[in-house]
């Protein structure tokens, strides 16, 4: 005889409660954006137009740059090395972090180097990277990848070390190989930490691409910022900064969607599914 599971009254009420909660959070986010724009508009209009620009002028600059093609050219020049460097950092950073976190001999050999690389200011290495890679997209890609990879490695590394020892001991008790334990136990458990590293890596990558474009060939959105600053056009300068911020927000949101697809159980487990 098959048992029929009837949803309880509490379970039936949970879905609309979560929906209302999500709508409430989105309303709070929208309100905070509106407040920020209003304050920015008021303050921007009260300052010297050479020093600052309100959102209305920034929007006009964005429209003008889009119409004359400057914006799209800059976005294309920035996106290519940015995405290439970020993907390269992900491909390298996740496996290295897994190995450092899982095997003590690898941690002893590479752990200190990762911590030192994460702490080192990238701007100090920019002249060296220019000597090695020149002034084109290759140096931008190298700077972005270097800025990003250490954050991904460290978060993956510490995520592996935070896994309860009992989980790996179960695999060992059933005579599973280290490769199988890494793939079937360690990797699924460390996905939230990896996603945190990817989110932090987005910010690091944005910093890296701006540094690269400031100190190498003046192109892309970083070049627009430098040129606008030299010619006292704060509206164009803030327009480029806003595009960088929006791009970072979009990429961070995509990482969140990826996490929901790969590990949908994590948000429910932490109580953030509402």
C-alpha atoms as a PDB file:
ATOM      1  CA  UNK A   1       0.000   0.000   0.000  1.00  0.00           C
ATOM      2  CA  UNK A   2       1.509   3.296  -1.100  1.00  0.00           C
ATOM      3  CA  UNK A   3       1.615   6.119   1.407  1.00  0.00           C
ATOM      4  CA  UNK A   4       0.322   9.464   0.164  1.00  0.00           C
ATOM      5  CA  UNK A   5       2.203  12.479   1.437  1.00  0.00           C
ATOM      6  CA  UNK A   6      -0.176  15.363   2.035  1.00  0.00           C
ATOM      7  CA  UNK A   7       1.461  18.787   2.301  1.00  0.00           C
ATOM      8  CA  UNK A   8       1.024  20.251   5.728  1.00  0.00           C
ATOM      9  CA  UNK A   9      -0.451  23.694   6.279  1.00  0.00           C
ATOM     10  CA  UNK A  10       2.995  25.026   7.198  1.00  0.00           C
ATOM     11  CA  UNK A  11       4.559  23.671   3.994  1.00  0.00           C
ATOM     12  CA  UNK A  12       1.746  25.108   1.877  1.00  0.00           C
ATOM     13  CA  UNK A  13       2.236  28.527   3.434  1.00  0.00           C
ATOM     14  CA  UNK A  14       6.016  28.445   3.006  1.00  0.00           C
ATOM     15  CA  UNK A  15       6.034  29.115  -0.759  1.00  0.00           C
ATOM     16  CA  UNK A  16       4.096  32.418  -0.732  1.00  0.00           C
ATOM     17  CA  UNK A  17       6.082  33.545   2.309  1.00  0.00           C
ATOM     18  CA  UNK A  18       9.350  32.968   0.426  1.00  0.00           C
ATOM     19  CA  UNK A  19       7.928  34.739  -2.630  1.00  0.00           C
ATOM     20  CA  UNK A  20       6.910  37.778  -0.584  1.00  0.00           C
ATOM     21  CA  UNK A  21      10.305  37.785   1.110  1.00  0.00           C
ATOM     22  CA  UNK A  22      12.106  37.775  -2.243  1.00  0.00           C
ATOM     23  CA  UNK A  23       9.928  40.615  -3.514  1.00  0.00           C
ATOM     24  CA  UNK A  24      10.636  42.540  -0.319  1.00  0.00           C
ATOM     25  CA  UNK A  25      14.395  42.104  -0.715  1.00  0.00           C
ATOM     26  CA  UNK A  26      14.225  43.248  -4.342  1.00  0.00           C
ATOM     27  CA  UNK A  27      12.235  46.284  -3.288  1.00  0.00           C
ATOM     28  CA  UNK A  28      14.878  47.133  -0.678  1.00  0.00           C
ATOM     29  CA  UNK A  29      17.611  46.799  -3.325  1.00  0.00           C
ATOM     30  CA  UNK A  30      15.706  49.017  -5.772  1.00  0.00           C
ATOM     31  CA  UNK A  31      15.083  51.593  -3.052  1.00  0.00           C
ATOM     32  CA  UNK A  32      18.762  51.697  -2.089  1.00  0.00           C
ATOM     33  CA  UNK A  33      19.716  52.284  -5.743  1.00  0.00           C
ATOM     34  CA  UNK A  34      17.186  55.113  -6.040  1.00  0.00           C
ATOM     35  CA  UNK A  35      18.419  56.748  -2.817  1.00  0.00           C
ATOM     36  CA  UNK A  36      22.024  56.516  -4.000  1.00  0.00           C
ATOM     37  CA  UNK A  37      21.184  58.102  -7.369  1.00  0.00           C
ATOM     38  CA  UNK A  38      19.185  60.902  -5.748  1.00  0.00           C
ATOM     39  CA  UNK A  39      21.964  61.726  -3.271  1.00  0.00           C
ATOM     40  CA  UNK A  40      24.547  61.536  -6.052  1.00  0.00           C
ATOM     41  CA  UNK A  41      22.455  63.869  -8.240  1.00  0.00           C
ATOM     42  CA  UNK A  42      22.041  66.442  -5.476  1.00  0.00           C
ATOM     43  CA  UNK A  43      25.692  66.374  -4.408  1.00  0.00           C
ATOM     44  CA  UNK A  44      26.949  66.258  -8.002  1.00  0.00           C
ATOM     45  CA  UNK A  45      25.000  69.366  -8.993  1.00  0.00           C
ATOM     46  CA  UNK A  46      26.408  71.284  -6.023  1.00  0.00           C
ATOM     47  CA  UNK A  47      30.054  70.578  -6.908  1.00  0.00           C
ATOM     48  CA  UNK A  48      32.326  72.082  -9.520  1.00  0.00           C
ATOM     49  CA  UNK A  49      31.468  70.400 -12.870  1.00  0.00           C
ATOM     50  CA  UNK A  50      35.190  69.894 -13.489  1.00  0.00           C
ATOM     51  CA  UNK A  51      35.441  67.738 -10.336  1.00  0.00           C
ATOM     52  CA  UNK A  52      32.252  65.686 -10.416  1.00  0.00           C
ATOM     53  CA  UNK A  53      29.220  64.845 -12.523  1.00  0.00           C
ATOM     54  CA  UNK A  54      25.653  63.964 -11.451  1.00  0.00           C
ATOM     55  CA  UNK A  55      23.980  60.801 -12.805  1.00  0.00           C
ATOM     56  CA  UNK A  56      22.056  62.802 -15.404  1.00  0.00           C
ATOM     57  CA  UNK A  57      25.303  63.993 -17.011  1.00  0.00           C
ATOM     58  CA  UNK A  58      26.836  60.536 -16.702  1.00  0.00           C
ATOM     59  CA  UNK A  59      23.840  59.060 -18.509  1.00  0.00           C
ATOM     60  CA  UNK A  60      24.156  61.671 -21.273  1.00  0.00           C
ATOM     61  CA  UNK A  61      27.845  60.788 -21.620  1.00  0.00           C
ATOM     62  CA  UNK A  62      26.987  57.083 -21.851  1.00  0.00           C
ATOM     63  CA  UNK A  63      24.440  57.744 -24.586  1.00  0.00           C
ATOM     64  CA  UNK A  64      26.902  59.942 -26.496  1.00  0.00           C
ATOM     65  CA  UNK A  65      29.701  57.379 -26.210  1.00  0.00           C
ATOM     66  CA  UNK A  66      27.336  54.605 -27.350  1.00  0.00           C
ATOM     67  CA  UNK A  67      26.225  56.615 -30.367  1.00  0.00           C
ATOM     68  CA  UNK A  68      29.732  57.460 -31.575  1.00  0.00           C
ATOM     69  CA  UNK A  69      30.991  53.910 -30.932  1.00  0.00           C
ATOM     70  CA  UNK A  70      33.531  54.835 -28.263  1.00  0.00           C
ATOM     71  CA  UNK A  71      31.733  52.830 -25.579  1.00  0.00           C
ATOM     72  CA  UNK A  72      31.451  49.608 -27.590  1.00  0.00           C
ATOM     73  CA  UNK A  73      35.063  49.790 -28.744  1.00  0.00           C
ATOM     74  CA  UNK A  74      36.241  50.274 -25.152  1.00  0.00           C
ATOM     75  CA  UNK A  75      34.043  47.450 -23.834  1.00  0.00           C
ATOM     76  CA  UNK A  76      35.355  45.093 -26.517  1.00  0.00           C
ATOM     77  CA  UNK A  77      38.988  46.007 -25.811  1.00  0.00           C
ATOM     78  CA  UNK A  78      38.474  45.411 -22.080  1.00  0.00           C
ATOM     79  CA  UNK A  79      36.299  42.290 -22.298  1.00  0.00           C
ATOM     80  CA  UNK A  80      38.688  40.128 -24.323  1.00  0.00           C
ATOM     81  CA  UNK A  81      41.660  40.091 -21.907  1.00  0.00           C
ATOM     82  CA  UNK A  82      39.338  40.311 -18.889  1.00  0.00           C
ATOM     83  CA  UNK A  83      37.375  37.167 -19.739  1.00  0.00           C
ATOM     84  CA  UNK A  84      40.437  35.290 -20.985  1.00  0.00           C
ATOM     85  CA  UNK A  85      42.396  36.064 -17.811  1.00  0.00           C
ATOM     86  CA  UNK A  86      39.440  35.236 -15.552  1.00  0.00           C
ATOM     87  CA  UNK A  87      38.772  31.878 -17.221  1.00  0.00           C
ATOM     88  CA  UNK A  88      42.477  31.040 -17.093  1.00  0.00           C
ATOM     89  CA  UNK A  89      42.541  31.821 -13.364  1.00  0.00           C
ATOM     90  CA  UNK A  90      39.511  29.570 -12.780  1.00  0.00           C
ATOM     91  CA  UNK A  91      41.003  26.682 -14.766  1.00  0.00           C
ATOM     92  CA  UNK A  92      44.277  26.902 -12.837  1.00  0.00           C
ATOM     93  CA  UNK A  93      43.028  28.043  -9.434  1.00  0.00           C
ATOM     94  CA  UNK A  94      40.416  25.396  -8.644  1.00  0.00           C
ATOM     95  CA  UNK A  95      42.632  22.316  -9.219  1.00  0.00           C
ATOM     96  CA  UNK A  96      45.583  23.915  -7.412  1.00  0.00           C
ATOM     97  CA  UNK A  97      43.377  24.825  -4.450  1.00  0.00           C
ATOM     98  CA  UNK A  98      41.997  21.280  -4.290  1.00  0.00           C
ATOM     99  CA  UNK A  99      45.486  19.787  -4.320  1.00  0.00           C
ATOM    100  CA  UNK A 100      46.865  22.184  -1.695  1.00  0.00           C
ATOM    101  CA  UNK A 101      43.897  21.596   0.599  1.00  0.00           C
ATOM    102  CA  UNK A 102      43.900  17.828   0.193  1.00  0.00           C
ATOM    103  CA  UNK A 103      47.602  16.941   0.293  1.00  0.00           C
ATOM    104  CA  UNK A 104      49.912  18.290   2.989  1.00  0.00           C
ATOM    105  CA  UNK A 105      53.030  17.892   0.873  1.00  0.00           C
ATOM    106  CA  UNK A 106      51.513  20.144  -1.810  1.00  0.00           C
ATOM    107  CA  UNK A 107      50.475  22.621   0.880  1.00  0.00           C
ATOM    108  CA  UNK A 108      54.014  22.685   2.237  1.00  0.00           C
ATOM    109  CA  UNK A 109      55.432  23.208  -1.251  1.00  0.00           C
ATOM    110  CA  UNK A 110      52.988  25.796  -2.632  1.00  0.00           C
ATOM    111  CA  UNK A 111      50.972  27.195   0.281  1.00  0.00           C
ATOM    112  CA  UNK A 112      53.484  29.889   1.206  1.00  0.00           C
ATOM    113  CA  UNK A 113      53.763  30.971  -2.434  1.00  0.00           C
ATOM    114  CA  UNK A 114      49.996  31.383  -2.771  1.00  0.00           C
ATOM    115  CA  UNK A 115      49.749  33.462   0.417  1.00  0.00           C
ATOM    116  CA  UNK A 116      52.690  35.613  -0.668  1.00  0.00           C
ATOM    117  CA  UNK A 117      51.234  36.086  -4.155  1.00  0.00           C
ATOM    118  CA  UNK A 118      47.851  37.077  -2.749  1.00  0.00           C
ATOM    119  CA  UNK A 119      49.475  39.660  -0.456  1.00  0.00           C
ATOM    120  CA  UNK A 120      51.759  41.151  -3.116  1.00  0.00           C
ATOM    121  CA  UNK A 121      50.363  44.358  -4.704  1.00  0.00           C
ATOM    122  CA  UNK A 122      49.965  43.726  -8.425  1.00  0.00           C
ATOM    123  CA  UNK A 123      50.938  47.271  -9.266  1.00  0.00           C
ATOM    124  CA  UNK A 124      54.495  46.463  -8.120  1.00  0.00           C
ATOM    125  CA  UNK A 125      54.774  43.709 -10.744  1.00  0.00           C
ATOM    126  CA  UNK A 126      53.193  45.629 -13.620  1.00  0.00           C
ATOM    127  CA  UNK A 127      56.517  46.944 -15.025  1.00  0.00           C
ATOM    128  CA  UNK A 128      57.913  43.399 -14.961  1.00  0.00           C
ATOM    129  CA  UNK A 129      54.854  42.055 -16.772  1.00  0.00           C
ATOM    130  CA  UNK A 130      55.215  44.781 -19.395  1.00  0.00           C
ATOM    131  CA  UNK A 131      58.823  43.704 -19.994  1.00  0.00           C
ATOM    132  CA  UNK A 132      57.772  40.056 -20.294  1.00  0.00           C
ATOM    133  CA  UNK A 133      54.544  40.364 -22.313  1.00  0.00           C
ATOM    134  CA  UNK A 134      54.678  43.739 -24.081  1.00  0.00           C
ATOM    135  CA  UNK A 135      51.850  46.250 -24.252  1.00  0.00           C
ATOM    136  CA  UNK A 136      49.041  44.355 -25.973  1.00  0.00           C
ATOM    137  CA  UNK A 137      46.262  42.059 -24.756  1.00  0.00           C
ATOM    138  CA  UNK A 138      48.709  39.414 -23.537  1.00  0.00           C
ATOM    139  CA  UNK A 139      49.962  41.552 -20.665  1.00  0.00           C
ATOM    140  CA  UNK A 140      46.388  42.479 -19.699  1.00  0.00           C
ATOM    141  CA  UNK A 141      45.397  38.816 -19.652  1.00  0.00           C
ATOM    142  CA  UNK A 142      48.450  37.928 -17.546  1.00  0.00           C
ATOM    143  CA  UNK A 143      47.735  40.675 -14.997  1.00  0.00           C
ATOM    144  CA  UNK A 144      44.047  39.742 -14.696  1.00  0.00           C
ATOM    145  CA  UNK A 145      44.860  36.039 -14.307  1.00  0.00           C
ATOM    146  CA  UNK A 146      47.534  36.734 -11.686  1.00  0.00           C
ATOM    147  CA  UNK A 147      45.262  39.057  -9.709  1.00  0.00           C
ATOM    148  CA  UNK A 148      42.412  36.539  -9.749  1.00  0.00           C
ATOM    149  CA  UNK A 149      44.004  33.128  -9.349  1.00  0.00           C
ATOM    150  CA  UNK A 150      45.247  33.532  -5.774  1.00  0.00           C
ATOM    151  CA  UNK A 151      41.789  34.420  -4.423  1.00  0.00           C
ATOM    152  CA  UNK A 152      40.314  31.320  -6.077  1.00  0.00           C
ATOM    153  CA  UNK A 153      43.130  29.085  -4.811  1.00  0.00           C
ATOM    154  CA  UNK A 154      42.888  30.331  -1.219  1.00  0.00           C
ATOM    155  CA  UNK A 155      39.101  29.960  -0.988  1.00  0.00           C
ATOM    156  CA  UNK A 156      39.203  26.484  -2.522  1.00  0.00           C
ATOM    157  CA  UNK A 157      42.121  25.502  -0.276  1.00  0.00           C
ATOM    158  CA  UNK A 158      40.403  26.554   2.950  1.00  0.00           C
ATOM    159  CA  UNK A 159      37.113  25.075   1.751  1.00  0.00           C
ATOM    160  CA  UNK A 160      38.775  21.674   1.429  1.00  0.00           C
ATOM    161  CA  UNK A 161      40.304  21.969   4.891  1.00  0.00           C
ATOM    162  CA  UNK A 162      36.893  22.828   6.368  1.00  0.00           C
ATOM    163  CA  UNK A 163      35.386  19.520   5.207  1.00  0.00           C
ATOM    164  CA  UNK A 164      34.623  17.253   8.213  1.00  0.00           C
ATOM    165  CA  UNK A 165      37.266  14.575   8.497  1.00  0.00           C
ATOM    166  CA  UNK A 166      34.626  11.897   8.959  1.00  0.00           C
ATOM    167  CA  UNK A 167      33.485  12.316   5.343  1.00  0.00           C
ATOM    168  CA  UNK A 168      36.890  11.481   3.892  1.00  0.00           C
ATOM    169  CA  UNK A 169      37.404   8.718   6.440  1.00  0.00           C
ATOM    170  CA  UNK A 170      34.241   7.012   5.164  1.00  0.00           C
ATOM    171  CA  UNK A 171      35.725   6.928   1.680  1.00  0.00           C
ATOM    172  CA  UNK A 172      38.998   5.574   3.004  1.00  0.00           C
ATOM    173  CA  UNK A 173      37.145   2.890   5.000  1.00  0.00           C
ATOM    174  CA  UNK A 174      35.521   1.674   1.768  1.00  0.00           C
ATOM    175  CA  UNK A 175      38.955   1.512   0.095  1.00  0.00           C
ATOM    176  CA  UNK A 176      38.224   4.381  -2.279  1.00  0.00           C
ATOM    177  CA  UNK A 177      41.204   5.829  -4.117  1.00  0.00           C
ATOM    178  CA  UNK A 178      42.371   9.375  -3.406  1.00  0.00           C
ATOM    179  CA  UNK A 179      41.180  10.366  -6.871  1.00  0.00           C
ATOM    180  CA  UNK A 180      37.701   9.006  -6.170  1.00  0.00           C
ATOM    181  CA  UNK A 181      37.553  10.698  -2.755  1.00  0.00           C
ATOM    182  CA  UNK A 182      38.613  13.979  -4.344  1.00  0.00           C
ATOM    183  CA  UNK A 183      35.992  13.729  -7.088  1.00  0.00           C
ATOM    184  CA  UNK A 184      33.065  12.253  -5.146  1.00  0.00           C
ATOM    185  CA  UNK A 185      33.457  13.684  -1.631  1.00  0.00           C
ATOM    186  CA  UNK A 186      35.807  16.647  -1.568  1.00  0.00           C
ATOM    187  CA  UNK A 187      34.703  18.470  -4.731  1.00  0.00           C
ATOM    188  CA  UNK A 188      30.924  18.469  -4.007  1.00  0.00           C
ATOM    189  CA  UNK A 189      31.576  19.616  -0.429  1.00  0.00           C
ATOM    190  CA  UNK A 190      33.830  22.485  -1.461  1.00  0.00           C
ATOM    191  CA  UNK A 191      31.598  23.958  -4.196  1.00  0.00           C
ATOM    192  CA  UNK A 192      30.302  26.831  -1.975  1.00  0.00           C
ATOM    193  CA  UNK A 193      33.875  27.864  -1.160  1.00  0.00           C
ATOM    194  CA  UNK A 194      34.820  27.694  -4.821  1.00  0.00           C
ATOM    195  CA  UNK A 195      31.890  29.955  -5.707  1.00  0.00           C
ATOM    196  CA  UNK A 196      32.967  32.424  -3.034  1.00  0.00           C
ATOM    197  CA  UNK A 197      36.407  32.455  -4.612  1.00  0.00           C
ATOM    198  CA  UNK A 198      34.881  33.076  -8.029  1.00  0.00           C
ATOM    199  CA  UNK A 199      32.900  36.032  -6.687  1.00  0.00           C
ATOM    200  CA  UNK A 200      35.948  37.556  -5.008  1.00  0.00           C
ATOM    201  CA  UNK A 201      37.878  36.838  -8.192  1.00  0.00           C
ATOM    202  CA  UNK A 202      35.491  39.023 -10.199  1.00  0.00           C
ATOM    203  CA  UNK A 203      36.480  42.055  -8.117  1.00  0.00           C
ATOM    204  CA  UNK A 204      40.149  41.155  -8.348  1.00  0.00           C
ATOM    205  CA  UNK A 205      39.856  40.768 -12.126  1.00  0.00           C
ATOM    206  CA  UNK A 206      38.256  44.218 -12.472  1.00  0.00           C
ATOM    207  CA  UNK A 207      41.107  45.750 -10.470  1.00  0.00           C
ATOM    208  CA  UNK A 208      43.593  43.843 -12.609  1.00  0.00           C
ATOM    209  CA  UNK A 209      42.184  44.992 -15.953  1.00  0.00           C
ATOM    210  CA  UNK A 210      42.041  48.622 -14.812  1.00  0.00           C
ATOM    211  CA  UNK A 211      45.660  48.483 -13.583  1.00  0.00           C
ATOM    212  CA  UNK A 212      46.706  46.889 -16.868  1.00  0.00           C
ATOM    213  CA  UNK A 213      44.971  49.545 -18.951  1.00  0.00           C
ATOM    214  CA  UNK A 214      46.285  52.374 -16.790  1.00  0.00           C
ATOM    215  CA  UNK A 215      49.920  51.332 -17.048  1.00  0.00           C
ATOM    216  CA  UNK A 216      50.096  49.667 -20.466  1.00  0.00           C
ATOM    217  CA  UNK A 217      48.519  50.660 -23.787  1.00  0.00           C
ATOM    218  CA  UNK A 218      45.832  53.256 -23.176  1.00  0.00           C
ATOM    219  CA  UNK A 219      42.819  51.355 -24.446  1.00  0.00           C
ATOM    220  CA  UNK A 220      39.562  49.932 -23.204  1.00  0.00           C
ATOM    221  CA  UNK A 221      37.552  51.367 -20.344  1.00  0.00           C
ATOM    222  CA  UNK A 222      40.703  52.072 -18.331  1.00  0.00           C
ATOM    223  CA  UNK A 223      41.986  54.184 -21.202  1.00  0.00           C
ATOM    224  CA  UNK A 224      38.681  56.091 -21.288  1.00  0.00           C
ATOM    225  CA  UNK A 225      39.023  56.817 -17.560  1.00  0.00           C
ATOM    226  CA  UNK A 226      42.599  58.081 -17.955  1.00  0.00           C
ATOM    227  CA  UNK A 227      41.782  60.211 -21.008  1.00  0.00           C
ATOM    228  CA  UNK A 228      38.660  61.687 -19.390  1.00  0.00           C
ATOM    229  CA  UNK A 229      40.624  62.514 -16.245  1.00  0.00           C
ATOM    230  CA  UNK A 230      43.353  64.287 -18.215  1.00  0.00           C
ATOM    231  CA  UNK A 231      40.794  66.338 -20.174  1.00  0.00           C
ATOM    232  CA  UNK A 232      38.603  67.187 -17.149  1.00  0.00           C
ATOM    233  CA  UNK A 233      35.530  65.241 -18.327  1.00  0.00           C
ATOM    234  CA  UNK A 234      34.223  63.611 -15.150  1.00  0.00           C
ATOM    235  CA  UNK A 235      30.990  62.552 -16.866  1.00  0.00           C
ATOM    236  CA  UNK A 236      32.854  60.281 -19.285  1.00  0.00           C
ATOM    237  CA  UNK A 237      35.137  59.090 -16.494  1.00  0.00           C
ATOM    238  CA  UNK A 238      32.221  58.091 -14.244  1.00  0.00           C
ATOM    239  CA  UNK A 239      30.451  56.551 -17.239  1.00  0.00           C
ATOM    240  CA  UNK A 240      33.354  54.135 -17.759  1.00  0.00           C
ATOM    241  CA  UNK A 241      33.460  53.369 -14.027  1.00  0.00           C
ATOM    242  CA  UNK A 242      29.720  52.623 -14.001  1.00  0.00           C
ATOM    243  CA  UNK A 243      30.112  50.241 -16.950  1.00  0.00           C
ATOM    244  CA  UNK A 244      32.867  48.387 -15.071  1.00  0.00           C
ATOM    245  CA  UNK A 245      30.669  48.152 -11.970  1.00  0.00           C
ATOM    246  CA  UNK A 246      27.658  46.896 -13.918  1.00  0.00           C
ATOM    247  CA  UNK A 247      29.802  44.322 -15.702  1.00  0.00           C
ATOM    248  CA  UNK A 248      31.158  43.081 -12.360  1.00  0.00           C
ATOM    249  CA  UNK A 249      27.623  42.835 -10.940  1.00  0.00           C
ATOM    250  CA  UNK A 250      26.435  40.857 -13.965  1.00  0.00           C
ATOM    251  CA  UNK A 251      29.340  38.422 -13.775  1.00  0.00           C
ATOM    252  CA  UNK A 252      28.841  37.997 -10.013  1.00  0.00           C
ATOM    253  CA  UNK A 253      25.164  37.289 -10.617  1.00  0.00           C
ATOM    254  CA  UNK A 254      26.082  34.659 -13.218  1.00  0.00           C
ATOM    255  CA  UNK A 255      28.335  32.979 -10.644  1.00  0.00           C
ATOM    256  CA  UNK A 256      25.366  32.892  -8.262  1.00  0.00           C
ATOM    257  CA  UNK A 257      23.182  31.288 -10.948  1.00  0.00           C
ATOM    258  CA  UNK A 258      25.925  28.744 -11.610  1.00  0.00           C
ATOM    259  CA  UNK A 259      26.020  27.881  -7.908  1.00  0.00           C
ATOM    260  CA  UNK A 260      22.252  27.379  -7.826  1.00  0.00           C
ATOM    261  CA  UNK A 261      22.534  25.042 -10.806  1.00  0.00           C
ATOM    262  CA  UNK A 262      25.524  23.039  -9.543  1.00  0.00           C
ATOM    263  CA  UNK A 263      24.663  22.992  -5.821  1.00  0.00           C
ATOM    264  CA  UNK A 264      20.957  23.830  -5.368  1.00  0.00           C
ATOM    265  CA  UNK A 265      21.006  22.171  -1.952  1.00  0.00           C
ATOM    266  CA  UNK A 266      23.399  24.752  -0.479  1.00  0.00           C
ATOM    267  CA  UNK A 267      20.933  27.660  -0.270  1.00  0.00           C
ATOM    268  CA  UNK A 268      18.335  25.434   1.383  1.00  0.00           C
ATOM    269  CA  UNK A 269      20.900  24.099   3.814  1.00  0.00           C
ATOM    270  CA  UNK A 270      21.968  27.589   4.883  1.00  0.00           C
ATOM    271  CA  UNK A 271      18.429  28.950   5.019  1.00  0.00           C
ATOM    272  CA  UNK A 272      18.943  31.420   2.130  1.00  0.00           C
ATOM    273  CA  UNK A 273      16.509  29.840  -0.310  1.00  0.00           C
ATOM    274  CA  UNK A 274      13.934  32.477   0.529  1.00  0.00           C
END
